[in-house]
Amino acid sequence: MLVDPTDAQLRKVMKSGGQRALATLGVDDRDITDQVFKDATDYAKVRSAEMVGMQYNDEGKLVRNPRSEMSIAETTRDDIRRAVAKALEDGVPASELADTIADLGAFSDSRAMMIARTEMIAANNKGHMAAFKNSGVVRYKAWSTAGDDDVDEEICAANEDECPIPLDDEFQSGDSEPPGHPNCRCTLVAVVGAEAAEADEANDEEDEE
């Protein structure tokens, strides 16, 4: 079953993102780390199925996803899963994974890059969010763009401009964390210290009004 290897590698990427986020925050509590890993496992299970037009039903069985956008040919699905799983396992950059997917002949170069970049960004930022939520020290988050001409102004730049926001809130785009769109290169960051204190003060002033 090709869901299994991609599940494992998405879980690995999300765990890695979570571990880096916890290290940045100075959090090393084992229970918190374990919860981040559990969140990574839950995400990877669902997403790895979605990537190949499948889903888990109420009984926990893997079945075909009825959504048309999730439906792709069996051979194409298998080839892409192998490529993504291997890329995540080997730690190759998104550009190299995109080349591999494009060489399969199933997608254009731009579509292949979208798949590669979006899946890697999504897993990494899910790890960040899981770490922030379980750390006990993060109350606010911020959306950080690449800061170049390719940034989507209506989605990503607007998300960055409204920061910081409470950890459990959604950004103006309706996303909890990047990616906000296909090919998104943004990162979720924790807001702590003086910046978090300023956010608290601003919120208190709004409440008084």
C-alpha atoms as a PDB file:
ATOM      1  CA  MET A   1       0.000   0.000   0.000  1.00  0.00           C
ATOM      2  CA  LEU A   2       1.628   3.209  -1.193  1.00  0.00           C
ATOM      3  CA  VAL A   3      -0.228   5.298   1.394  1.00  0.00           C
ATOM      4  CA  ASP A   4       2.064   3.856   4.048  1.00  0.00           C
ATOM      5  CA  PRO A   5       5.479   5.173   2.869  1.00  0.00           C
ATOM      6  CA  THR A   6       4.174   8.665   2.175  1.00  0.00           C
ATOM      7  CA  ASP A   7       2.349   8.665   5.507  1.00  0.00           C
ATOM      8  CA  ALA A   8       5.651   7.857   7.199  1.00  0.00           C
ATOM      9  CA  GLN A   9       7.600  10.551   5.378  1.00  0.00           C
ATOM     10  CA  LEU A  10       4.988  13.292   5.858  1.00  0.00           C
ATOM     11  CA  ARG A  11       4.992  12.373   9.529  1.00  0.00           C
ATOM     12  CA  LYS A  12       8.786  12.623   9.547  1.00  0.00           C
ATOM     13  CA  VAL A  13       8.762  16.111   7.988  1.00  0.00           C
ATOM     14  CA  MET A  14       6.077  17.386  10.349  1.00  0.00           C
ATOM     15  CA  LYS A  15       7.886  15.940  13.377  1.00  0.00           C
ATOM     16  CA  SER A  16      11.091  17.603  12.249  1.00  0.00           C
ATOM     17  CA  GLY A  17       9.329  20.951  11.890  1.00  0.00           C
ATOM     18  CA  GLY A  18       7.813  20.536  15.333  1.00  0.00           C
ATOM     19  CA  GLN A  19      11.118  19.620  16.926  1.00  0.00           C
ATOM     20  CA  ARG A  20      12.837  22.660  15.442  1.00  0.00           C
ATOM     21  CA  ALA A  21      10.044  24.921  16.655  1.00  0.00           C
ATOM     22  CA  LEU A  22      10.205  23.498  20.189  1.00  0.00           C
ATOM     23  CA  ALA A  23      13.986  23.885  20.239  1.00  0.00           C
ATOM     24  CA  THR A  24      13.661  27.523  19.195  1.00  0.00           C
ATOM     25  CA  LEU A  25      11.214  28.066  22.053  1.00  0.00           C
ATOM     26  CA  GLY A  26      13.488  26.283  24.526  1.00  0.00           C
ATOM     27  CA  VAL A  27      10.860  23.629  25.274  1.00  0.00           C
ATOM     28  CA  ASP A  28      12.144  20.113  25.928  1.00  0.00           C
ATOM     29  CA  ASP A  29       9.309  18.553  27.948  1.00  0.00           C
ATOM     30  CA  ARG A  30       8.842  14.938  26.857  1.00  0.00           C
ATOM     31  CA  ASP A  31       5.048  14.969  27.181  1.00  0.00           C
ATOM     32  CA  ILE A  32       4.833  18.017  24.924  1.00  0.00           C
ATOM     33  CA  THR A  33       7.124  16.418  22.366  1.00  0.00           C
ATOM     34  CA  ASP A  34       5.048  13.241  22.412  1.00  0.00           C
ATOM     35  CA  GLN A  35       1.871  15.227  21.766  1.00  0.00           C
ATOM     36  CA  VAL A  36       3.498  17.011  18.832  1.00  0.00           C
ATOM     37  CA  PHE A  37       4.459  13.621  17.401  1.00  0.00           C
ATOM     38  CA  LYS A  38       0.883  12.379  17.847  1.00  0.00           C
ATOM     39  CA  ASP A  39      -0.436  15.403  15.984  1.00  0.00           C
ATOM     40  CA  ALA A  40       2.076  14.687  13.218  1.00  0.00           C
ATOM     41  CA  THR A  41       0.856  11.107  12.969  1.00  0.00           C
ATOM     42  CA  ASP A  42      -2.783  12.183  12.705  1.00  0.00           C
ATOM     43  CA  TYR A  43      -2.040  14.763  10.002  1.00  0.00           C
ATOM     44  CA  ALA A  44       0.150  12.453   7.934  1.00  0.00           C
ATOM     45  CA  LYS A  45      -2.465   9.692   7.941  1.00  0.00           C
ATOM     46  CA  VAL A  46      -5.159  11.943   6.499  1.00  0.00           C
ATOM     47  CA  ARG A  47      -2.984  13.906   4.082  1.00  0.00           C
ATOM     48  CA  SER A  48      -1.134  10.939   2.636  1.00  0.00           C
ATOM     49  CA  ALA A  49      -4.492   9.436   1.672  1.00  0.00           C
ATOM     50  CA  GLU A  50      -5.760  12.690   0.158  1.00  0.00           C
ATOM     51  CA  MET A  51      -2.674  13.017  -2.018  1.00  0.00           C
ATOM     52  CA  VAL A  52      -3.659   9.939  -3.998  1.00  0.00           C
ATOM     53  CA  GLY A  53      -7.430  10.371  -4.180  1.00  0.00           C
ATOM     54  CA  MET A  54      -8.210   8.301  -1.105  1.00  0.00           C
ATOM     55  CA  GLN A  55      -9.699   8.944   2.327  1.00  0.00           C
ATOM     56  CA  TYR A  56     -10.406   7.106   5.585  1.00  0.00           C
ATOM     57  CA  ASN A  57     -14.079   6.381   6.254  1.00  0.00           C
ATOM     58  CA  ASP A  58     -15.818   6.369   9.651  1.00  0.00           C
ATOM     59  CA  GLU A  59     -14.637   2.813  10.250  1.00  0.00           C
ATOM     60  CA  GLY A  60     -11.008   3.748   9.629  1.00  0.00           C
ATOM     61  CA  LYS A  61     -10.850   1.952   6.291  1.00  0.00           C
ATOM     62  CA  LEU A  62      -9.066   3.421   3.281  1.00  0.00           C
ATOM     63  CA  VAL A  63     -11.536   4.127   0.445  1.00  0.00           C
ATOM     64  CA  ARG A  64     -11.626   6.222  -2.715  1.00  0.00           C
ATOM     65  CA  ASN A  65     -12.296   9.925  -2.197  1.00  0.00           C
ATOM     66  CA  PRO A  66     -15.458  10.931  -4.119  1.00  0.00           C
ATOM     67  CA  ARG A  67     -14.203  14.486  -4.660  1.00  0.00           C
ATOM     68  CA  SER A  68     -13.324  14.822  -8.341  1.00  0.00           C
ATOM     69  CA  GLU A  69     -10.227  16.937  -7.700  1.00  0.00           C
ATOM     70  CA  MET A  70      -8.770  14.079  -5.655  1.00  0.00           C
ATOM     71  CA  SER A  71      -9.232  11.549  -8.438  1.00  0.00           C
ATOM     72  CA  ILE A  72      -6.223  10.664 -10.605  1.00  0.00           C
ATOM     73  CA  ALA A  73      -5.226   7.627 -12.617  1.00  0.00           C
ATOM     74  CA  GLU A  74      -3.940   4.624 -10.714  1.00  0.00           C
ATOM     75  CA  THR A  75      -0.532   4.530 -12.398  1.00  0.00           C
ATOM     76  CA  THR A  76      -0.039   8.280 -12.048  1.00  0.00           C
ATOM     77  CA  ARG A  77      -1.041   8.128  -8.407  1.00  0.00           C
ATOM     78  CA  ASP A  78       1.414   5.355  -7.666  1.00  0.00           C
ATOM     79  CA  ASP A  79       4.294   7.095  -9.442  1.00  0.00           C
ATOM     80  CA  ILE A  80       3.721  10.399  -7.662  1.00  0.00           C
ATOM     81  CA  ARG A  81       3.458   8.726  -4.260  1.00  0.00           C
ATOM     82  CA  ARG A  82       6.755   6.971  -4.780  1.00  0.00           C
ATOM     83  CA  ALA A  83       8.421  10.199  -5.880  1.00  0.00           C
ATOM     84  CA  VAL A  84       7.109  12.244  -2.943  1.00  0.00           C
ATOM     85  CA  ALA A  85       7.915   9.546  -0.402  1.00  0.00           C
ATOM     86  CA  LYS A  86      11.474   9.158  -1.662  1.00  0.00           C
ATOM     87  CA  ALA A  87      12.059  12.906  -1.795  1.00  0.00           C
ATOM     88  CA  LEU A  88      10.871  13.404   1.768  1.00  0.00           C
ATOM     89  CA  GLU A  89      12.918  10.466   2.979  1.00  0.00           C
ATOM     90  CA  ASP A  90      16.082  11.666   1.226  1.00  0.00           C
ATOM     91  CA  GLY A  91      15.565  15.305   2.187  1.00  0.00           C
ATOM     92  CA  VAL A  92      15.866  16.565  -1.389  1.00  0.00           C
ATOM     93  CA  PRO A  93      14.768  20.133  -2.263  1.00  0.00           C
ATOM     94  CA  ALA A  94      11.358  20.820  -3.773  1.00  0.00           C
ATOM     95  CA  SER A  95      12.946  21.669  -7.142  1.00  0.00           C
ATOM     96  CA  GLU A  96      14.447  18.196  -7.436  1.00  0.00           C
ATOM     97  CA  LEU A  97      11.174  16.530  -6.494  1.00  0.00           C
ATOM     98  CA  ALA A  98       9.382  18.703  -9.058  1.00  0.00           C
ATOM     99  CA  ASP A  99      11.772  17.527 -11.777  1.00  0.00           C
ATOM    100  CA  THR A 100      11.045  13.917 -10.858  1.00  0.00           C
ATOM    101  CA  ILE A 101       7.283  14.447 -10.991  1.00  0.00           C
ATOM    102  CA  ALA A 102       7.523  16.331 -14.305  1.00  0.00           C
ATOM    103  CA  ASP A 103       9.584  13.483 -15.788  1.00  0.00           C
ATOM    104  CA  LEU A 104       6.701  11.100 -15.059  1.00  0.00           C
ATOM    105  CA  GLY A 105       4.803  12.860 -17.826  1.00  0.00           C
ATOM    106  CA  ALA A 106       1.644  13.296 -15.747  1.00  0.00           C
ATOM    107  CA  PHE A 107       1.957  17.013 -15.058  1.00  0.00           C
ATOM    108  CA  SER A 108       3.479  20.152 -16.512  1.00  0.00           C
ATOM    109  CA  ASP A 109       6.631  21.582 -14.949  1.00  0.00           C
ATOM    110  CA  SER A 110       4.623  24.207 -13.083  1.00  0.00           C
ATOM    111  CA  ARG A 111       2.115  21.665 -11.769  1.00  0.00           C
ATOM    112  CA  ALA A 112       4.928  19.375 -10.634  1.00  0.00           C
ATOM    113  CA  MET A 113       6.612  22.206  -8.729  1.00  0.00           C
ATOM    114  CA  MET A 114       3.314  23.123  -7.117  1.00  0.00           C
ATOM    115  CA  ILE A 115       2.840  19.598  -5.791  1.00  0.00           C
ATOM    116  CA  ALA A 116       6.385  19.332  -4.486  1.00  0.00           C
ATOM    117  CA  ARG A 117       6.581  22.748  -2.843  1.00  0.00           C
ATOM    118  CA  THR A 118       3.088  22.741  -1.363  1.00  0.00           C
ATOM    119  CA  GLU A 119       3.315  19.317   0.268  1.00  0.00           C
ATOM    120  CA  MET A 120       6.687  20.053   1.868  1.00  0.00           C
ATOM    121  CA  ILE A 121       5.600  23.489   3.113  1.00  0.00           C
ATOM    122  CA  ALA A 122       2.347  22.093   4.497  1.00  0.00           C
ATOM    123  CA  ALA A 123       3.975  19.297   6.486  1.00  0.00           C
ATOM    124  CA  ASN A 124       6.658  21.590   7.902  1.00  0.00           C
ATOM    125  CA  ASN A 125       4.186  24.259   9.024  1.00  0.00           C
ATOM    126  CA  LYS A 126       1.824  21.698  10.522  1.00  0.00           C
ATOM    127  CA  GLY A 127       4.797  20.699  12.661  1.00  0.00           C
ATOM    128  CA  HIS A 128       5.322  24.300  13.727  1.00  0.00           C
ATOM    129  CA  MET A 129       1.673  24.701  14.691  1.00  0.00           C
ATOM    130  CA  ALA A 130       1.632  21.487  16.693  1.00  0.00           C
ATOM    131  CA  ALA A 131       4.746  22.608  18.565  1.00  0.00           C
ATOM    132  CA  PHE A 132       3.338  26.058  19.296  1.00  0.00           C
ATOM    133  CA  LYS A 133       0.024  24.691  20.569  1.00  0.00           C
ATOM    134  CA  ASN A 134       1.615  22.121  22.825  1.00  0.00           C
ATOM    135  CA  SER A 135       4.476  24.270  24.112  1.00  0.00           C
ATOM    136  CA  GLY A 136       2.401  26.181  26.645  1.00  0.00           C
ATOM    137  CA  VAL A 137       4.426  29.343  25.968  1.00  0.00           C
ATOM    138  CA  VAL A 138       3.059  30.544  22.618  1.00  0.00           C
ATOM    139  CA  ARG A 139      -0.138  32.607  22.541  1.00  0.00           C
ATOM    140  CA  TYR A 140       0.330  34.423  19.242  1.00  0.00           C
ATOM    141  CA  LYS A 141       1.516  33.505  15.787  1.00  0.00           C
ATOM    142  CA  ALA A 142       2.646  35.334  12.669  1.00  0.00           C
ATOM    143  CA  TRP A 143       2.661  34.564   8.953  1.00  0.00           C
ATOM    144  CA  SER A 144       6.074  35.173   7.384  1.00  0.00           C
ATOM    145  CA  THR A 145       6.403  35.531   3.617  1.00  0.00           C
ATOM    146  CA  ALA A 146       9.474  35.146   1.419  1.00  0.00           C
ATOM    147  CA  GLY A 147       9.438  38.928   0.979  1.00  0.00           C
ATOM    148  CA  ASP A 148       9.939  38.944  -2.788  1.00  0.00           C
ATOM    149  CA  ASP A 149       7.944  39.807  -5.905  1.00  0.00           C
ATOM    150  CA  ASP A 150       6.394  36.342  -6.090  1.00  0.00           C
ATOM    151  CA  VAL A 151       4.479  36.740  -2.805  1.00  0.00           C
ATOM    152  CA  ASP A 152       0.694  36.648  -3.253  1.00  0.00           C
ATOM    153  CA  GLU A 153      -0.467  40.088  -2.096  1.00  0.00           C
ATOM    154  CA  GLU A 154      -4.117  39.246  -1.469  1.00  0.00           C
ATOM    155  CA  ILE A 155      -3.448  36.105   0.554  1.00  0.00           C
ATOM    156  CA  CYS A 156       0.045  35.871   1.982  1.00  0.00           C
ATOM    157  CA  ALA A 157       1.058  39.530   2.224  1.00  0.00           C
ATOM    158  CA  ALA A 158      -2.331  40.325   3.770  1.00  0.00           C
ATOM    159  CA  ASN A 159      -1.872  37.494   6.276  1.00  0.00           C
ATOM    160  CA  GLU A 160       1.553  38.824   7.192  1.00  0.00           C
ATOM    161  CA  ASP A 161       0.226  42.369   7.607  1.00  0.00           C
ATOM    162  CA  GLU A 162      -2.407  41.398  10.176  1.00  0.00           C
ATOM    163  CA  CYS A 163       0.108  39.700  12.492  1.00  0.00           C
ATOM    164  CA  PRO A 164       0.335  38.867  15.249  1.00  0.00           C
ATOM    165  CA  ILE A 165      -2.935  37.044  15.856  1.00  0.00           C
ATOM    166  CA  PRO A 166      -4.001  34.626  18.634  1.00  0.00           C
ATOM    167  CA  LEU A 167      -2.681  31.108  18.139  1.00  0.00           C
ATOM    168  CA  ASP A 168      -6.107  29.507  17.691  1.00  0.00           C
ATOM    169  CA  ASP A 169      -7.404  32.149  15.255  1.00  0.00           C
ATOM    170  CA  GLU A 170      -7.412  31.902  11.481  1.00  0.00           C
ATOM    171  CA  PHE A 171      -5.681  34.426   9.274  1.00  0.00           C
ATOM    172  CA  GLN A 172      -7.777  36.633   6.995  1.00  0.00           C
ATOM    173  CA  SER A 173      -7.410  34.022   4.260  1.00  0.00           C
ATOM    174  CA  GLY A 174      -9.136  31.422   6.432  1.00  0.00           C
ATOM    175  CA  ASP A 175      -5.933  29.410   6.971  1.00  0.00           C
ATOM    176  CA  SER A 176      -4.487  28.476  10.341  1.00  0.00           C
ATOM    177  CA  GLU A 177      -0.973  28.238   8.913  1.00  0.00           C
ATOM    178  CA  PRO A 178       0.793  28.214   5.535  1.00  0.00           C
ATOM    179  CA  PRO A 179       0.415  27.257   2.770  1.00  0.00           C
ATOM    180  CA  GLY A 180      -2.295  29.719   1.840  1.00  0.00           C
ATOM    181  CA  HIS A 181      -2.381  28.631  -1.794  1.00  0.00           C
ATOM    182  CA  PRO A 182      -0.609  26.264  -4.195  1.00  0.00           C
ATOM    183  CA  ASN A 183       3.102  27.123  -4.509  1.00  0.00           C
ATOM    184  CA  CYS A 184       3.040  29.092  -1.242  1.00  0.00           C
ATOM    185  CA  ARG A 185       6.496  29.451   0.337  1.00  0.00           C
ATOM    186  CA  CYS A 186       5.487  31.059   3.636  1.00  0.00           C
ATOM    187  CA  THR A 187       6.368  30.017   7.169  1.00  0.00           C
ATOM    188  CA  LEU A 188       4.476  30.118  10.456  1.00  0.00           C
ATOM    189  CA  VAL A 189       6.431  31.730  13.296  1.00  0.00           C
ATOM    190  CA  ALA A 190       5.825  32.056  17.033  1.00  0.00           C
ATOM    191  CA  VAL A 191       5.297  35.479  18.565  1.00  0.00           C
ATOM    192  CA  VAL A 192       6.711  35.631  22.102  1.00  0.00           C
ATOM    193  CA  GLY A 193       8.436  38.057  24.454  1.00  0.00           C
ATOM    194  CA  ALA A 194       8.027  41.791  23.962  1.00  0.00           C
ATOM    195  CA  GLU A 195       6.026  41.422  20.762  1.00  0.00           C
ATOM    196  CA  ALA A 196       3.516  39.162  22.512  1.00  0.00           C
ATOM    197  CA  ALA A 197       3.260  41.642  25.381  1.00  0.00           C
ATOM    198  CA  GLU A 198       2.494  44.402  22.872  1.00  0.00           C
ATOM    199  CA  ALA A 199      -0.227  42.225  21.362  1.00  0.00           C
ATOM    200  CA  ASP A 200      -1.721  41.673  24.822  1.00  0.00           C
ATOM    201  CA  GLU A 201      -1.746  45.427  25.420  1.00  0.00           C
ATOM    202  CA  ALA A 202      -3.375  46.124  22.059  1.00  0.00           C
ATOM    203  CA  ASN A 203      -6.062  43.522  22.736  1.00  0.00           C
ATOM    204  CA  ASP A 204      -6.744  45.009  26.174  1.00  0.00           C
ATOM    205  CA  GLU A 205      -7.211  48.444  24.613  1.00  0.00           C
ATOM    206  CA  GLU A 206      -9.648  47.030  22.057  1.00  0.00           C
ATOM    207  CA  ASP A 207     -11.641  45.346  24.820  1.00  0.00           C
ATOM    208  CA  GLU A 208     -11.898  48.634  26.733  1.00  0.00           C
ATOM    209  CA  GLU A 209     -13.251  50.365  23.668  1.00  0.00           C
END
